[in-house]
Structure formats: C-alpha cells, structure tokens
PDB file of all heavy atoms in Angstrom:
ATOM      1  N   PRO A   1     107.132  95.611  99.595  1.00  0.00           N
ATOM      2  CA  PRO A   1     108.332  96.443  99.960  1.00  0.00           C
ATOM      3  C   PRO A   1     107.874  97.811 100.498  1.00  0.00           C
ATOM      4  O   PRO A   1     106.734  98.293 100.232  1.00  0.00           O
ATOM      5  CB  PRO A   1     109.063  96.610  98.647  1.00  0.00           C
ATOM      6  CG  PRO A   1     107.994  96.524  97.596  1.00  0.00           C
ATOM      7  CD  PRO A   1     106.982  95.525  98.199  1.00  0.00           C
ATOM      8  N   ASN A   2     108.733  98.470 101.177  1.00  0.00           N
ATOM      9  CA  ASN A   2     108.450  99.826 101.725  1.00  0.00           C
ATOM     10  C   ASN A   2     109.763 100.574 101.676  1.00  0.00           C
ATOM     11  O   ASN A   2     110.714 100.178 102.319  1.00  0.00           O
ATOM     12  CB  ASN A   2     107.957  99.724 103.134  1.00  0.00           C
ATOM     13  CG  ASN A   2     107.467 101.049 103.670  1.00  0.00           C
ATOM     14  OD1 ASN A   2     107.053 101.937 102.918  1.00  0.00           O
ATOM     15  ND2 ASN A   2     107.542 101.228 104.987  1.00  0.00           N
ATOM     16  N   PRO A   3     109.876 101.688 100.923  1.00  0.00           N
ATOM     17  CA  PRO A   3     108.895 102.300 100.089  1.00  0.00           C
ATOM     18  C   PRO A   3     108.510 101.484  98.852  1.00  0.00           C
ATOM     19  O   PRO A   3     109.245 100.558  98.500  1.00  0.00           O
ATOM     20  CB  PRO A   3     109.567 103.634  99.697  1.00  0.00           C
ATOM     21  CG  PRO A   3     110.978 103.398  99.856  1.00  0.00           C
ATOM     22  CD  PRO A   3     111.184 102.367 100.921  1.00  0.00           C
ATOM     23  N   PHE A   4     107.389 101.900  98.219  1.00  0.00           N
ATOM     24  CA  PHE A   4     106.915 101.050  97.123  1.00  0.00           C
ATOM     25  C   PHE A   4     106.296 101.861  96.023  1.00  0.00           C
ATOM     26  O   PHE A   4     105.988 103.039  96.189  1.00  0.00           O
ATOM     27  CB  PHE A   4     105.896 100.029  97.600  1.00  0.00           C
ATOM     28  CG  PHE A   4     104.599 100.641  98.031  1.00  0.00           C
ATOM     29  CD1 PHE A   4     103.528 100.713  97.175  1.00  0.00           C
ATOM     30  CD2 PHE A   4     104.446 101.139  99.328  1.00  0.00           C
ATOM     31  CE1 PHE A   4     102.345 101.307  97.554  1.00  0.00           C
ATOM     32  CE2 PHE A   4     103.252 101.699  99.734  1.00  0.00           C
ATOM     33  CZ  PHE A   4     102.209 101.790  98.800  1.00  0.00           C
ATOM     34  N   ASN A   5     106.179 101.266  94.840  1.00  0.00           N
ATOM     35  CA  ASN A   5     105.489 101.773  93.677  1.00  0.00           C
ATOM     36  C   ASN A   5     105.503 100.620  92.653  1.00  0.00           C
ATOM     37  O   ASN A   5     106.556 100.158  92.337  1.00  0.00           O
ATOM     38  CB  ASN A   5     106.165 103.007  93.115  1.00  0.00           C
ATOM     39  CG  ASN A   5     105.430 103.528  91.923  1.00  0.00           C
ATOM     40  OD1 ASN A   5     104.205 103.402  91.809  1.00  0.00           O
ATOM     41  ND2 ASN A   5     106.157 104.149  91.005  1.00  0.00           N
ATOM     42  N   PRO A   6     104.489 100.130  92.156  1.00  0.00           N
ATOM     43  CA  PRO A   6     103.081 100.562  92.295  1.00  0.00           C
ATOM     44  C   PRO A   6     102.282  99.680  93.278  1.00  0.00           C
ATOM     45  O   PRO A   6     101.130  99.979  93.510  1.00  0.00           O
ATOM     46  CB  PRO A   6     102.548 100.348  90.900  1.00  0.00           C
ATOM     47  CG  PRO A   6     103.204  99.128  90.419  1.00  0.00           C
ATOM     48  CD  PRO A   6     104.627  99.236  91.076  1.00  0.00           C
ATOM     49  N   SER A   7     102.838  98.597  93.859  1.00  0.00           N
ATOM     50  CA  SER A   7     102.040  97.741  94.758  1.00  0.00           C
ATOM     51  C   SER A   7     102.902  97.299  95.933  1.00  0.00           C
ATOM     52  O   SER A   7     104.154  97.307  95.879  1.00  0.00           O
ATOM     53  CB  SER A   7     101.502  96.582  93.995  1.00  0.00           C
ATOM     54  OG  SER A   7     102.542  95.700  93.616  1.00  0.00           O
ATOM     55  N   THR A   8     102.187  96.924  96.988  1.00  0.00           N
ATOM     56  CA  THR A   8     102.802  96.448  98.204  1.00  0.00           C
ATOM     57  C   THR A   8     101.880  95.436  98.835  1.00  0.00           C
ATOM     58  O   THR A   8     100.700  95.300  98.499  1.00  0.00           O
ATOM     59  CB  THR A   8     103.079  97.600  99.178  1.00  0.00           C
ATOM     60  OG1 THR A   8     103.877  97.135 100.278  1.00  0.00           O
ATOM     61  CG2 THR A   8     101.835  98.215  99.741  1.00  0.00           C
ATOM     62  N   LYS A   9     102.441  94.626  99.780  1.00  0.00           N
ATOM     63  CA  LYS A   9     101.637  93.615 100.514  1.00  0.00           C
ATOM     64  C   LYS A   9     101.640  93.929 101.963  1.00  0.00           C
ATOM     65  O   LYS A   9     102.678  94.235 102.524  1.00  0.00           O
ATOM     66  CB  LYS A   9     102.184  92.226 100.211  1.00  0.00           C
ATOM     67  CG  LYS A   9     102.034  91.768  98.781  1.00  0.00           C
ATOM     68  CD  LYS A   9     102.441  90.387  98.549  1.00  0.00           C
ATOM     69  CE  LYS A   9     102.233  90.003  97.122  1.00  0.00           C
ATOM     70  NZ  LYS A   9     102.609  88.626  96.854  1.00  0.00           N
ATOM     71  N   ILE A  10     100.475  93.775 102.603  1.00  0.00           N
ATOM     72  CA  ILE A  10     100.339  93.965 104.011  1.00  0.00           C
ATOM     73  C   ILE A  10      99.869  92.692 104.617  1.00  0.00           C
ATOM     74  O   ILE A  10      98.808  92.104 104.235  1.00  0.00           O
ATOM     75  CB  ILE A  10      99.337  95.103 104.346  1.00  0.00           C
ATOM     76  CG1 ILE A  10      99.817  96.429 103.693  1.00  0.00           C
ATOM     77  CG2 ILE A  10      99.135  95.277 105.823  1.00  0.00           C
ATOM     78  CD1 ILE A  10      98.808  97.520 103.753  1.00  0.00           C
ATOM     79  N   GLY A  11     100.553  92.146 105.596  1.00  0.00           N
ATOM     80  CA  GLY A  11     100.196  90.893 106.270  1.00  0.00           C
ATOM     81  C   GLY A  11      99.702  91.150 107.711  1.00  0.00           C
ATOM     82  O   GLY A  11     100.129  92.100 108.353  1.00  0.00           O
ATOM     83  N   PHE A  12      98.760  90.313 108.107  1.00  0.00           N
ATOM     84  CA  PHE A  12      98.299  90.383 109.494  1.00  0.00           C
ATOM     85  C   PHE A  12      97.807  89.022 109.938  1.00  0.00           C
ATOM     86  O   PHE A  12      97.558  88.118 109.101  1.00  0.00           O
ATOM     87  CB  PHE A  12      97.163  91.426 109.635  1.00  0.00           C
ATOM     88  CG  PHE A  12      95.912  91.181 108.830  1.00  0.00           C
ATOM     89  CD1 PHE A  12      94.852  90.469 109.354  1.00  0.00           C
ATOM     90  CD2 PHE A  12      95.807  91.676 107.549  1.00  0.00           C
ATOM     91  CE1 PHE A  12      93.692  90.262 108.644  1.00  0.00           C
ATOM     92  CE2 PHE A  12      94.679  91.496 106.795  1.00  0.00           C
ATOM     93  CZ  PHE A  12      93.654  90.748 107.323  1.00  0.00           C
ATOM     94  N   GLN A  13      97.737  88.800 111.229  1.00  0.00           N
ATOM     95  CA  GLN A  13      97.275  87.527 111.747  1.00  0.00           C
ATOM     96  C   GLN A  13      96.280  87.779 112.861  1.00  0.00           C
ATOM     97  O   GLN A  13      96.434  88.762 113.652  1.00  0.00           O
ATOM     98  CB  GLN A  13      98.447  86.667 112.270  1.00  0.00           C
ATOM     99  CG  GLN A  13      99.237  87.329 113.382  1.00  0.00           C
ATOM    100  CD  GLN A  13     100.471  86.473 113.679  1.00  0.00           C
ATOM    101  OE1 GLN A  13     101.060  85.849 112.815  1.00  0.00           O
ATOM    102  NE2 GLN A  13     100.877  86.446 114.930  1.00  0.00           N
ATOM    103  N   ILE A  14      95.245  86.940 112.875  1.00  0.00           N
ATOM    104  CA  ILE A  14      94.215  87.057 113.940  1.00  0.00           C
ATOM    105  C   ILE A  14      93.980  85.707 114.527  1.00  0.00           C
ATOM    106  O   ILE A  14      93.948  84.700 113.799  1.00  0.00           O
ATOM    107  CB  ILE A  14      92.936  87.679 113.364  1.00  0.00           C
ATOM    108  CG1 ILE A  14      92.410  86.953 112.165  1.00  0.00           C
ATOM    109  CG2 ILE A  14      93.121  89.144 113.020  1.00  0.00           C
ATOM    110  CD1 ILE A  14      91.088  87.436 111.670  1.00  0.00           C
ATOM    111  N   PRO A  15      93.881  85.595 115.890  1.00  0.00           N
ATOM    112  CA  PRO A  15      93.756  84.276 116.489  1.00  0.00           C
ATOM    113  C   PRO A  15      92.329  83.771 116.542  1.00  0.00           C
ATOM    114  O   PRO A  15      92.098  82.546 116.854  1.00  0.00           O
ATOM    115  CB  PRO A  15      94.229  84.519 117.925  1.00  0.00           C
ATOM    116  CG  PRO A  15      93.971  85.997 118.183  1.00  0.00           C
ATOM    117  CD  PRO A  15      94.138  86.658 116.824  1.00  0.00           C
ATOM    118  N   SER A  16      91.324  84.571 116.238  1.00  0.00           N
ATOM    119  CA  SER A  16      89.929  84.095 116.248  1.00  0.00           C
ATOM    120  C   SER A  16      89.185  84.778 115.101  1.00  0.00           C
ATOM    121  O   SER A  16      89.631  85.807 114.588  1.00  0.00           O
ATOM    122  CB  SER A  16      89.282  84.361 117.573  1.00  0.00           C
ATOM    123  OG  SER A  16      89.321  85.757 117.853  1.00  0.00           O
ATOM    124  N   ASP A  17      88.011  84.279 114.732  1.00  0.00           N
ATOM    125  CA  ASP A  17      87.211  84.893 113.703  1.00  0.00           C
ATOM    126  C   ASP A  17      86.785  86.250 114.198  1.00  0.00           C
ATOM    127  O   ASP A  17      86.266  86.402 115.344  1.00  0.00           O
ATOM    128  CB  ASP A  17      85.959  84.044 113.423  1.00  0.00           C
ATOM    129  CG  ASP A  17      86.304  82.723 112.806  1.00  0.00           C
ATOM    130  OD1 ASP A  17      87.496  82.485 112.601  1.00  0.00           O
ATOM    131  OD2 ASP A  17      85.387  81.919 112.555  1.00  0.00           O
ATOM    132  N   GLU A  18      87.070  87.286 113.441  1.00  0.00           N
ATOM    133  CA  GLU A  18      86.757  88.684 113.853  1.00  0.00           C
ATOM    134  C   GLU A  18      86.316  89.500 112.635  1.00  0.00           C
ATOM    135  O   GLU A  18      86.677  89.210 111.476  1.00  0.00           O
ATOM    136  CB  GLU A  18      87.991  89.339 114.422  1.00  0.00           C
ATOM    137  CG  GLU A  18      88.552  88.773 115.704  1.00  0.00           C
ATOM    138  CD  GLU A  18      87.701  89.117 116.918  1.00  0.00           C
ATOM    139  OE1 GLU A  18      86.816  89.999 116.833  1.00  0.00           O
ATOM    140  OE2 GLU A  18      87.931  88.537 117.989  1.00  0.00           O
ATOM    141  N   PHE A  19      85.577  90.578 112.925  1.00  0.00           N
ATOM    142  CA  PHE A  19      85.281  91.633 111.915  1.00  0.00           C
ATOM    143  C   PHE A  19      86.555  92.449 111.800  1.00  0.00           C
ATOM    144  O   PHE A  19      87.010  92.993 112.787  1.00  0.00           O
ATOM    145  CB  PHE A  19      84.075  92.420 112.286  1.00  0.00           C
ATOM    146  CG  PHE A  19      83.723  93.380 111.174  1.00  0.00           C
ATOM    147  CD1 PHE A  19      82.984  92.948 110.057  1.00  0.00           C
ATOM    148  CD2 PHE A  19      84.095  94.705 111.197  1.00  0.00           C
ATOM    149  CE1 PHE A  19      82.680  93.851 109.034  1.00  0.00           C
ATOM    150  CE2 PHE A  19      83.794  95.599 110.204  1.00  0.00           C
ATOM    151  CZ  PHE A  19      83.076  95.166 109.131  1.00  0.00           C
ATOM    152  N   VAL A  20      87.113  92.566 110.615  1.00  0.00           N
ATOM    153  CA  VAL A  20      88.411  93.250 110.403  1.00  0.00           C
ATOM    154  C   VAL A  20      88.265  94.402 109.472  1.00  0.00           C
ATOM    155  O   VAL A  20      87.584  94.310 108.451  1.00  0.00           O
ATOM    156  CB  VAL A  20      89.470  92.245 109.831  1.00  0.00           C
ATOM    157  CG1 VAL A  20      90.758  92.900 109.487  1.00  0.00           C
ATOM    158  CG2 VAL A  20      89.644  91.046 110.752  1.00  0.00           C
ATOM    159  N   THR A  21      88.874  95.549 109.822  1.00  0.00           N
ATOM    160  CA  THR A  21      89.005  96.667 108.912  1.00  0.00           C
ATOM    161  C   THR A  21      90.504  96.971 108.728  1.00  0.00           C
ATOM    162  O   THR A  21      91.231  96.942 109.686  1.00  0.00           O
ATOM    163  CB  THR A  21      88.252  97.916 109.383  1.00  0.00           C
ATOM    164  OG1 THR A  21      88.767  98.323 110.647  1.00  0.00           O
ATOM    165  CG2 THR A  21      86.783  97.670 109.524  1.00  0.00           C
ATOM    166  N   LEU A  22      90.877  97.239 107.498  1.00  0.00           N
ATOM    167  CA  LEU A  22      92.270  97.703 107.213  1.00  0.00           C
ATOM    168  C   LEU A  22      92.056  98.925 106.305  1.00  0.00           C
ATOM    169  O   LEU A  22      91.622  98.795 105.177  1.00  0.00           O
ATOM    170  CB  LEU A  22      92.997  96.595 106.512  1.00  0.00           C
ATOM    171  CG  LEU A  22      94.447  96.915 106.160  1.00  0.00           C
ATOM    172  CD1 LEU A  22      95.305  97.292 107.345  1.00  0.00           C
ATOM    173  CD2 LEU A  22      95.088  95.742 105.418  1.00  0.00           C
ATOM    174  N   LYS A  23      92.497 100.072 106.851  1.00  0.00           N
ATOM    175  CA  LYS A  23      92.252 101.347 106.127  1.00  0.00           C
ATOM    176  C   LYS A  23      93.550 102.091 105.997  1.00  0.00           C
ATOM    177  O   LYS A  23      94.462 102.028 106.838  1.00  0.00           O
ATOM    178  CB  LYS A  23      91.225 102.180 106.900  1.00  0.00           C
ATOM    179  CG  LYS A  23      89.857 101.536 106.927  1.00  0.00           C
ATOM    180  CD  LYS A  23      88.865 102.405 107.632  1.00  0.00           C
ATOM    181  CE  LYS A  23      87.529 101.651 107.626  1.00  0.00           C
ATOM    182  NZ  LYS A  23      86.445 102.505 108.172  1.00  0.00           N
ATOM    183  N   ILE A  24      93.662 102.850 104.904  1.00  0.00           N
ATOM    184  CA  ILE A  24      94.800 103.700 104.586  1.00  0.00           C
ATOM    185  C   ILE A  24      94.458 105.126 104.841  1.00  0.00           C
ATOM    186  O   ILE A  24      93.393 105.585 104.424  1.00  0.00           O
ATOM    187  CB  ILE A  24      95.274 103.515 103.145  1.00  0.00           C
ATOM    188  CG1 ILE A  24      95.384 102.054 102.778  1.00  0.00           C
ATOM    189  CG2 ILE A  24      96.555 104.298 102.889  1.00  0.00           C
ATOM    190  CD1 ILE A  24      96.404 101.262 103.534  1.00  0.00           C
ATOM    191  N   TYR A  25      95.351 105.874 105.556  1.00  0.00           N
ATOM    192  CA  TYR A  25      95.142 107.265 105.889  1.00  0.00           C
ATOM    193  C   TYR A  25      96.306 108.069 105.362  1.00  0.00           C
ATOM    194  O   TYR A  25      97.457 107.607 105.372  1.00  0.00           O
ATOM    195  CB  TYR A  25      95.010 107.517 107.365  1.00  0.00           C
ATOM    196  CG  TYR A  25      93.777 106.830 107.985  1.00  0.00           C
ATOM    197  CD1 TYR A  25      93.846 105.522 108.438  1.00  0.00           C
ATOM    198  CD2 TYR A  25      92.585 107.496 108.074  1.00  0.00           C
ATOM    199  CE1 TYR A  25      92.717 104.921 109.032  1.00  0.00           C
ATOM    200  CE2 TYR A  25      91.475 106.898 108.627  1.00  0.00           C
ATOM    201  CZ  TYR A  25      91.567 105.609 109.052  1.00  0.00           C
ATOM    202  OH  TYR A  25      90.427 104.979 109.601  1.00  0.00           O
TER     203      TYR A  25
END
C-alpha cells in the first residue's frame, strides 16, 4: 500500500535476464 507503515511491496517486470538495482532515495 501507499502510504504505508511498516511494510510495502514493490513489483516490477523484466523481459530478459538483466542486472537489476532497486534503490530508495
């Protein structure tokens, strides 16, 4: 959910094998 406390889920999809970074700022 958004807004959230204490946890949330982030989904993403990629069409091929890739090096992935997911960062919070």
